[in-house]
Amino acid sequence: MSFQSKSNGSKNTNKRNLSSSSLSPKTEENKSKFFCTPNLYSTLAKDNDVDNNSSSNIGQYHKSSKISNLPPVYIKDVSDISSFTSSLLSILKPSDFICKSTPSHLIVRTQFREHYNLLLTHLMYTDANFHTYQPKVIRPLRVVIRNLHPTTSHEDIIAGLSDLGHHVSNVHNIKRFSDKTPLPLFFVDIKKSDTNNLDIYKIQFLLNTKIVVEKPHPRKGPPQCHICQTYGRTRSYCHYVPRCVKCGEEHLSVSCNKSKDSLAKCALCSGDHTANFKGCPVYKKLNKNKPKISPKTLPTVFPDAQAKPKARSYAEAAANNNSTADIITTVLSQFITNLNSVIGPLISLLTECKPDVTSSPRQCSSSDTIRRGSNDRRVFIMTTRRA
């Protein structure tokens, strides 16, 4: 026993103590048998990441500047398409615009806002005759505010709506068409926002006044440009030669010197009326050919639901009443004719027979026949009642 203890003690004393640092490689070797070398191309990977980030930023910039529904540009009096295209290629790339020819205009479309602005700047610089429309992304929201006093200043309205979180771009007081009297109505243009545009319809009080905010009534006809007097566009995006609304000459309507005694001349049809006359053949033709807007979503119709009667004019209602009266008169006349044909034989049959009151009922014979007359009929009726 002592030998064993001595041998164990000598074995423990002679054993070399290992440090923790020397033991760590053995543990790692037990876990993994692969040796990993450092990546010599890590710097290149960082450069590639920088390039990818820069390319993604460029794509994001183009994506932010891209507008899905940019309005087309209608250009008139293009004499040489080759020279026109070459002038556009001096400021734009071939993939930045698309052209389309019609009998009256050359239509040019772009995809990005920067290209659209460059195109308009180039056309205005070259004095081209063109028109376009306002992009939807910058088109304001127009509302009507009722019950505000006509003398309310526009600055107070803008300040009051700004306190409620609405950015106003324009305020216009509505006047009566006949005598130009100011009305307690205001057109207000609100800049588009993703947060509170629709909240403006919930406003009930403004500048210590109870108001009503509503949508403007839809326009009855197409808009008319106050520069070239053509229907279908507005003066803000028209770059044609101006035409006078009174005399039809090539100048603005404000600078017209025509006297009131001289006849007017339409700039559209050369008639003896002003260009904004609603009886103009051009205006009537546009309203006649105006397409009917079909509803986007059809309402759900249940089988038990009753259809609402269609609104009729006074002439239709009067004509329908006359036809109804004629039908009723015809039916009544037919009914009276049929009633006479049934009652006549019945009365003649009853007057041929006179029943005997004292005797039991029996069949009528020729001896019971009485003469026709009012007295005999009265006696017959009285005897039948008593029986």
Protein backbone atom coordinates (compact mmCIF):
# COMPACT_ATOMS: atom_id res chain seq x y z
CA MET A 1 0.00 0.00 0.00
CA SER A 2 2.86 2.30 0.80
CA PHE A 3 4.46 1.48 -2.50
CA GLN A 4 1.43 2.41 -4.40
CA SER A 5 1.06 5.68 -2.61
CA LYS A 6 4.71 6.51 -3.18
CA SER A 7 4.50 5.66 -6.81
CA ASN A 8 1.38 7.79 -7.21
CA GLY A 9 2.94 10.62 -5.34
CA SER A 10 6.06 10.48 -7.46
CA LYS A 11 3.96 10.38 -10.58
CA ASN A 12 1.98 13.48 -9.55
CA THR A 13 5.07 15.44 -8.54
CA ASN A 14 6.96 14.69 -11.74
CA LYS A 15 3.96 15.58 -14.01
CA ARG A 16 4.28 18.90 -15.96
CA ASN A 17 1.57 21.45 -15.39
CA LEU A 18 0.00 22.75 -18.66
CA SER A 19 -1.11 26.34 -19.03
CA SER A 20 -4.51 27.40 -20.27
CA SER A 21 -2.96 28.95 -23.38
CA SER A 22 -1.41 25.72 -24.39
CA LEU A 23 -4.69 23.87 -23.90
CA SER A 24 -6.78 26.19 -26.11
CA PRO A 25 -5.47 25.02 -29.48
CA LYS A 26 -6.36 21.44 -28.58
CA THR A 27 -9.95 22.41 -27.80
CA GLU A 28 -10.29 24.28 -31.09
CA GLU A 29 -8.75 21.33 -32.90
CA ASN A 30 -11.33 19.05 -31.35
CA LYS A 31 -14.17 21.31 -32.47
CA SER A 32 -13.06 21.93 -36.06
CA LYS A 33 -10.47 20.28 -38.24
CA PHE A 34 -10.40 23.08 -40.88
CA PHE A 35 -7.86 25.85 -40.97
CA CYS A 36 -9.21 29.29 -42.05
CA THR A 37 -6.90 31.66 -43.90
CA PRO A 38 -7.55 35.41 -44.02
CA ASN A 39 -9.44 36.79 -47.04
CA LEU A 40 -7.00 38.65 -49.26
CA TYR A 41 -9.83 40.20 -51.39
CA SER A 42 -11.80 41.81 -48.55
CA THR A 43 -10.80 45.29 -49.74
CA LEU A 44 -12.27 44.58 -53.16
CA ALA A 45 -15.50 43.46 -51.56
CA LYS A 46 -15.76 46.79 -49.74
CA ASP A 47 -15.29 48.65 -53.01
CA ASN A 48 -18.04 46.58 -54.62
CA ASP A 49 -20.36 47.43 -51.74
CA VAL A 50 -19.70 51.12 -52.30
CA ASP A 51 -20.46 50.77 -56.02
CA ASN A 52 -23.68 48.87 -55.31
CA ASN A 53 -24.80 51.53 -52.86
CA SER A 54 -24.09 54.30 -55.34
CA SER A 55 -26.00 52.51 -58.11
CA SER A 56 -28.94 51.90 -55.79
CA ASN A 57 -28.99 55.60 -54.90
CA ILE A 58 -29.06 56.54 -58.57
CA GLY A 59 -31.94 54.16 -59.19
CA GLN A 60 -33.74 55.55 -56.17
CA TYR A 61 -33.26 59.10 -57.48
CA HIS A 62 -34.74 58.21 -60.85
CA LYS A 63 -37.56 56.35 -59.17
CA SER A 64 -38.41 59.33 -57.03
CA SER A 65 -38.34 61.70 -60.02
CA LYS A 66 -40.42 59.39 -62.20
CA ILE A 67 -44.11 60.27 -62.57
CA SER A 68 -46.41 57.58 -63.86
CA ASN A 69 -48.95 59.94 -65.48
CA LEU A 70 -47.03 62.89 -66.86
CA PRO A 71 -49.21 64.83 -69.32
CA PRO A 72 -48.22 64.76 -72.99
CA VAL A 73 -47.05 67.85 -74.83
CA TYR A 74 -49.02 68.78 -77.98
CA ILE A 75 -46.86 70.68 -80.48
CA LYS A 76 -48.35 72.40 -83.52
CA ASP A 77 -46.88 73.57 -86.85
CA VAL A 78 -43.87 71.24 -86.95
CA SER A 79 -42.52 71.75 -90.48
CA ASP A 80 -39.51 69.39 -90.36
CA ILE A 81 -39.52 66.41 -88.00
CA SER A 82 -35.84 65.66 -88.56
CA SER A 83 -34.62 69.06 -87.44
CA PHE A 84 -37.07 69.03 -84.53
CA THR A 85 -35.87 65.61 -83.35
CA SER A 86 -32.23 66.63 -83.65
CA SER A 87 -32.89 69.71 -81.52
CA LEU A 88 -34.47 67.51 -78.86
CA LEU A 89 -31.53 65.11 -78.97
CA SER A 90 -29.23 68.01 -78.10
CA ILE A 91 -30.83 68.22 -74.63
CA LEU A 92 -32.27 64.71 -74.15
CA LYS A 93 -31.24 61.15 -74.85
CA PRO A 94 -33.07 59.00 -77.43
CA SER A 95 -34.63 56.93 -74.64
CA ASP A 96 -35.94 60.00 -72.78
CA PHE A 97 -38.87 60.87 -75.06
CA ILE A 98 -41.36 59.27 -77.46
CA CYS A 99 -43.10 61.03 -80.37
CA LYS A 100 -46.44 60.37 -82.01
CA SER A 101 -47.88 62.21 -85.02
CA THR A 102 -51.55 63.12 -85.50
CA PRO A 103 -53.21 65.18 -88.27
CA SER A 104 -53.13 68.32 -86.12
CA HIS A 105 -50.34 67.89 -83.53
CA LEU A 106 -47.06 66.16 -82.73
CA ILE A 107 -47.39 64.50 -79.32
CA VAL A 108 -44.24 64.12 -77.20
CA ARG A 109 -44.20 62.06 -74.00
CA THR A 110 -41.57 61.77 -71.27
CA GLN A 111 -41.22 59.56 -68.20
CA PHE A 112 -39.22 61.66 -65.75
CA ARG A 113 -40.01 65.07 -64.34
CA GLU A 114 -36.57 66.46 -65.21
CA HIS A 115 -37.00 65.52 -68.86
CA TYR A 116 -40.49 67.02 -68.90
CA ASN A 117 -39.21 70.33 -67.54
CA LEU A 118 -36.32 70.37 -70.01
CA LEU A 119 -38.72 69.78 -72.89
CA LEU A 120 -41.00 72.65 -71.85
CA THR A 121 -38.04 74.98 -71.38
CA HIS A 122 -36.69 74.12 -74.83
CA LEU A 123 -40.07 74.69 -76.50
CA MET A 124 -40.58 78.06 -74.82
CA TYR A 125 -37.04 79.10 -75.75
CA THR A 126 -37.66 78.26 -79.41
CA ASP A 127 -41.12 80.00 -79.45
CA ALA A 128 -42.94 76.82 -80.44
CA ASN A 129 -46.74 76.63 -80.52
CA PHE A 130 -47.71 73.97 -77.98
CA HIS A 131 -49.97 73.23 -75.06
CA THR A 132 -49.98 70.73 -72.22
CA TYR A 133 -51.83 70.09 -68.97
CA GLN A 134 -51.13 70.36 -65.28
CA PRO A 135 -49.57 67.19 -63.80
CA LYS A 136 -51.78 65.42 -61.30
CA VAL A 137 -49.05 65.29 -58.68
CA ILE A 138 -49.04 69.08 -58.35
CA ARG A 139 -52.75 69.62 -58.97
CA PRO A 140 -54.28 71.17 -55.82
CA LEU A 141 -57.44 70.08 -54.05
CA ARG A 142 -60.17 72.69 -54.67
CA VAL A 143 -62.97 73.10 -52.12
CA VAL A 144 -65.79 75.60 -51.58
CA ILE A 145 -66.25 77.32 -48.21
CA ARG A 146 -69.73 78.66 -47.54
CA ASN A 147 -71.10 81.26 -45.08
CA LEU A 148 -67.93 83.38 -44.83
CA HIS A 149 -68.59 87.09 -45.25
CA PRO A 150 -67.57 88.38 -48.72
CA THR A 151 -65.31 91.03 -47.14
CA THR A 152 -63.20 88.42 -45.34
CA SER A 153 -59.56 88.93 -46.33
CA HIS A 154 -57.74 86.14 -48.09
CA GLU A 155 -54.83 86.41 -45.66
CA ASP A 156 -57.13 85.63 -42.71
CA ILE A 157 -58.51 82.57 -44.49
CA ILE A 158 -55.01 81.32 -45.30
CA ALA A 159 -53.84 81.90 -41.73
CA GLY A 160 -56.90 80.21 -40.23
CA LEU A 161 -56.51 77.10 -42.39
CA SER A 162 -52.75 77.02 -41.78
CA ASP A 163 -53.41 76.83 -38.03
CA LEU A 164 -55.51 73.74 -38.72
CA GLY A 165 -52.67 72.12 -40.71
CA HIS A 166 -53.73 72.91 -44.29
CA HIS A 167 -51.42 74.65 -46.75
CA VAL A 168 -53.41 77.02 -48.98
CA SER A 169 -52.11 78.00 -52.41
CA ASN A 170 -54.98 80.19 -53.66
CA VAL A 171 -58.20 81.85 -52.40
CA HIS A 172 -60.85 83.31 -54.70
CA ASN A 173 -64.17 84.94 -53.86
CA ILE A 174 -67.12 83.82 -56.00
CA LYS A 175 -69.29 86.56 -57.56
CA ARG A 176 -72.76 86.51 -59.04
CA PHE A 177 -72.62 86.13 -62.82
CA SER A 178 -75.30 88.72 -63.62
CA ASP A 179 -74.14 91.79 -61.66
CA LYS A 180 -70.75 90.65 -60.25
CA THR A 181 -71.95 90.97 -56.65
CA PRO A 182 -69.65 89.23 -54.13
CA LEU A 183 -71.20 86.13 -52.55
CA PRO A 184 -70.42 84.42 -49.21
CA LEU A 185 -68.60 81.68 -51.16
CA PHE A 186 -64.87 81.13 -51.57
CA PHE A 187 -62.82 78.83 -53.78
CA VAL A 188 -59.84 77.51 -51.81
CA ASP A 189 -56.99 75.51 -53.35
CA ILE A 190 -55.22 73.18 -50.90
CA LYS A 191 -51.80 71.72 -51.62
CA LYS A 192 -51.85 67.95 -51.79
CA SER A 193 -50.73 66.07 -48.71
CA ASP A 194 -50.80 62.45 -47.60
CA THR A 195 -52.08 63.21 -44.12
CA ASN A 196 -54.88 65.72 -43.76
CA ASN A 197 -56.35 66.65 -47.15
CA LEU A 198 -59.70 65.02 -46.48
CA ASP A 199 -59.91 66.46 -42.95
CA ILE A 200 -60.79 69.84 -44.40
CA TYR A 201 -64.35 68.63 -45.06
CA LYS A 202 -64.77 68.09 -41.31
CA ILE A 203 -64.12 71.74 -40.42
CA GLN A 204 -67.24 73.42 -39.03
CA PHE A 205 -65.90 76.68 -37.58
CA LEU A 206 -63.40 79.13 -39.09
CA LEU A 207 -62.70 82.73 -38.02
CA ASN A 208 -65.55 82.64 -35.49
CA THR A 209 -67.99 81.66 -38.23
CA LYS A 210 -69.92 78.45 -38.73
CA ILE A 211 -68.97 77.28 -42.22
CA VAL A 212 -69.66 74.42 -44.59
CA VAL A 213 -66.84 72.93 -46.66
CA GLU A 214 -67.93 71.01 -49.75
CA LYS A 215 -66.77 69.95 -53.19
CA PRO A 216 -67.34 72.39 -56.09
CA HIS A 217 -70.07 71.63 -58.57
CA PRO A 218 -68.82 69.83 -61.70
CA ARG A 219 -68.28 71.92 -64.80
CA LYS A 220 -71.16 71.72 -67.28
CA GLY A 221 -68.99 72.00 -70.37
CA PRO A 222 -65.34 71.73 -71.38
CA PRO A 223 -62.93 74.41 -70.13
CA GLN A 224 -62.02 77.23 -72.49
CA CYS A 225 -58.59 78.81 -72.82
CA HIS A 226 -58.62 82.60 -72.30
CA ILE A 227 -55.60 83.04 -74.60
CA CYS A 228 -56.40 81.12 -77.81
CA GLN A 229 -60.16 80.69 -77.03
CA THR A 230 -59.96 76.95 -77.77
CA TYR A 231 -61.95 74.47 -75.70
CA GLY A 232 -60.30 71.66 -73.79
CA ARG A 233 -57.38 73.43 -72.11
CA THR A 234 -56.57 76.36 -69.82
CA ARG A 235 -54.45 79.47 -70.22
CA SER A 236 -51.81 78.42 -67.66
CA TYR A 237 -50.43 75.73 -69.99
CA CYS A 238 -51.20 77.30 -73.38
CA HIS A 239 -48.42 78.73 -75.56
CA TYR A 240 -50.32 79.51 -78.77
CA VAL A 241 -50.85 82.84 -80.51
CA PRO A 242 -53.47 84.81 -78.51
CA ARG A 243 -56.94 85.41 -79.99
CA CYS A 244 -59.40 88.04 -78.83
CA VAL A 245 -62.72 86.82 -77.45
CA LYS A 246 -64.55 89.84 -78.93
CA CYS A 247 -63.14 90.49 -82.40
CA GLY A 248 -61.16 87.27 -83.04
CA GLU A 249 -57.94 89.10 -83.91
CA GLU A 250 -54.48 87.99 -82.80
CA HIS A 251 -54.19 89.93 -79.55
CA LEU A 252 -55.24 89.50 -75.93
CA SER A 253 -58.83 90.25 -75.01
CA VAL A 254 -57.72 92.83 -72.43
CA SER A 255 -56.08 95.00 -75.07
CA CYS A 256 -59.04 94.97 -77.49
CA ASN A 257 -60.29 98.37 -78.72
CA LYS A 258 -63.51 97.22 -80.36
CA SER A 259 -66.49 99.51 -79.79
CA LYS A 260 -69.76 98.20 -78.40
CA ASP A 261 -71.65 99.22 -81.54
CA SER A 262 -69.59 97.04 -83.89
CA LEU A 263 -70.46 93.40 -84.34
CA ALA A 264 -68.45 90.74 -82.59
CA LYS A 265 -66.57 88.02 -84.44
CA CYS A 266 -65.99 84.52 -83.12
CA ALA A 267 -62.40 83.29 -83.18
CA LEU A 268 -63.60 79.69 -83.63
CA CYS A 269 -66.36 79.80 -86.28
CA SER A 270 -66.12 83.45 -87.55
CA GLY A 271 -69.74 84.03 -86.56
CA ASP A 272 -71.21 87.35 -85.36
CA HIS A 273 -70.90 86.49 -81.68
CA THR A 274 -68.19 86.31 -79.04
CA ALA A 275 -65.97 83.24 -78.74
CA ASN A 276 -67.43 82.28 -75.35
CA PHE A 277 -71.04 82.21 -76.62
CA LYS A 278 -72.71 78.93 -75.62
CA GLY A 279 -74.73 78.91 -78.82
CA CYS A 280 -71.58 78.69 -80.94
CA PRO A 281 -71.67 75.70 -83.34
CA VAL A 282 -68.24 74.59 -82.09
CA TYR A 283 -69.46 74.47 -78.48
CA LYS A 284 -72.67 72.66 -79.42
CA LYS A 285 -70.72 70.07 -81.37
CA LEU A 286 -68.40 69.43 -78.43
CA ASN A 287 -71.32 68.93 -76.04
CA LYS A 288 -73.12 66.72 -78.54
CA ASN A 289 -70.12 64.45 -79.00
CA LYS A 290 -69.26 64.41 -75.30
CA PRO A 291 -68.88 60.75 -74.25
CA LYS A 292 -71.03 59.47 -71.46
CA ILE A 293 -69.01 58.45 -68.42
CA SER A 294 -69.89 54.91 -67.44
CA PRO A 295 -69.80 54.08 -63.72
CA LYS A 296 -66.66 52.30 -62.57
CA THR A 297 -68.47 49.98 -60.19
CA LEU A 298 -72.03 48.85 -60.78
CA PRO A 299 -74.24 48.80 -57.68
CA THR A 300 -75.46 45.47 -56.39
CA VAL A 301 -79.11 44.92 -57.34
CA PHE A 302 -81.18 42.67 -55.09
CA PRO A 303 -84.22 40.83 -56.55
CA ASP A 304 -86.61 42.31 -54.00
CA ALA A 305 -85.42 45.86 -54.49
CA GLN A 306 -87.75 48.11 -56.45
CA ALA A 307 -86.27 50.27 -59.18
CA LYS A 308 -86.65 54.01 -58.72
CA PRO A 309 -88.90 55.71 -61.27
CA LYS A 310 -87.04 57.64 -63.91
CA ALA A 311 -87.38 61.43 -63.76
CA ARG A 312 -89.56 62.76 -66.58
CA SER A 313 -89.96 66.19 -68.10
CA TYR A 314 -93.21 68.15 -68.02
CA ALA A 315 -93.95 67.43 -71.70
CA GLU A 316 -93.49 63.69 -71.18
CA ALA A 317 -95.70 63.72 -68.10
CA ALA A 318 -98.44 65.70 -69.90
CA ALA A 319 -98.32 63.39 -72.93
CA ASN A 320 -98.48 60.35 -70.67
CA ASN A 321 -101.48 61.81 -68.80
CA ASN A 322 -103.34 62.41 -72.07
CA SER A 323 -102.70 58.87 -73.24
CA THR A 324 -103.84 57.52 -69.86
CA ALA A 325 -107.08 59.54 -70.07
CA ASP A 326 -107.76 58.18 -73.57
CA ILE A 327 -107.24 54.62 -72.37
CA ILE A 328 -109.58 55.11 -69.43
CA THR A 329 -112.29 56.62 -71.69
CA THR A 330 -112.05 53.69 -74.11
CA VAL A 331 -112.28 51.11 -71.31
CA LEU A 332 -115.28 52.83 -69.74
CA SER A 333 -117.12 53.05 -73.05
CA GLN A 334 -116.51 49.36 -73.71
CA PHE A 335 -117.72 48.49 -70.20
CA ILE A 336 -120.93 50.51 -70.62
CA THR A 337 -121.62 48.89 -74.01
CA ASN A 338 -121.16 45.40 -72.57
CA LEU A 339 -123.32 46.25 -69.57
CA ASN A 340 -126.16 47.49 -71.81
CA SER A 341 -125.96 44.34 -73.91
CA VAL A 342 -126.41 42.23 -70.75
CA ILE A 343 -129.02 44.33 -68.93
CA GLY A 344 -131.23 44.97 -71.99
CA PRO A 345 -132.29 41.32 -72.58
CA LEU A 346 -132.66 40.80 -68.83
CA ILE A 347 -135.09 43.70 -68.50
CA SER A 348 -137.09 42.56 -71.53
CA LEU A 349 -137.29 39.03 -70.07
CA LEU A 350 -138.48 40.29 -66.70
CA THR A 351 -141.15 42.52 -68.24
CA GLU A 352 -142.63 39.66 -70.25
CA CYS A 353 -143.64 37.75 -67.09
CA LYS A 354 -145.85 38.91 -64.16
CA PRO A 355 -145.91 36.47 -61.28
CA ASP A 356 -149.17 35.75 -59.39
CA VAL A 357 -148.82 36.81 -55.77
CA THR A 358 -151.73 34.71 -54.35
CA SER A 359 -150.89 31.48 -56.09
CA SER A 360 -147.84 29.38 -55.83
CA PRO A 361 -145.03 30.10 -58.21
CA ARG A 362 -145.59 28.66 -61.62
CA GLN A 363 -144.30 29.05 -65.09
CA CYS A 364 -145.24 32.07 -67.14
CA SER A 365 -147.72 31.64 -69.92
CA SER A 366 -149.04 33.84 -72.66
CA SER A 367 -152.05 34.88 -70.52
CA ASP A 368 -149.72 36.40 -67.89
CA THR A 369 -148.19 38.81 -70.41
CA ILE A 370 -148.64 42.46 -69.43
CA ARG A 371 -148.29 45.56 -71.45
CA ARG A 372 -145.07 47.48 -71.42
CA GLY A 373 -145.05 50.82 -69.66
CA SER A 374 -143.70 52.61 -66.73
CA ASN A 375 -146.76 51.94 -64.53
CA ASP A 376 -146.74 48.21 -65.21
CA ARG A 377 -143.04 48.00 -64.40
CA ARG A 378 -143.61 49.85 -61.14
CA VAL A 379 -146.45 47.44 -60.17
CA PHE A 380 -144.28 44.46 -61.06
CA ILE A 381 -141.41 45.70 -58.90
CA MET A 382 -143.72 46.33 -55.94
CA THR A 383 -145.31 42.89 -56.16
CA THR A 384 -141.93 41.18 -56.34
CA ARG A 385 -140.79 43.06 -53.22
CA ARG A 386 -143.90 42.01 -51.29
CA ALA A 387 -143.48 38.42 -52.33
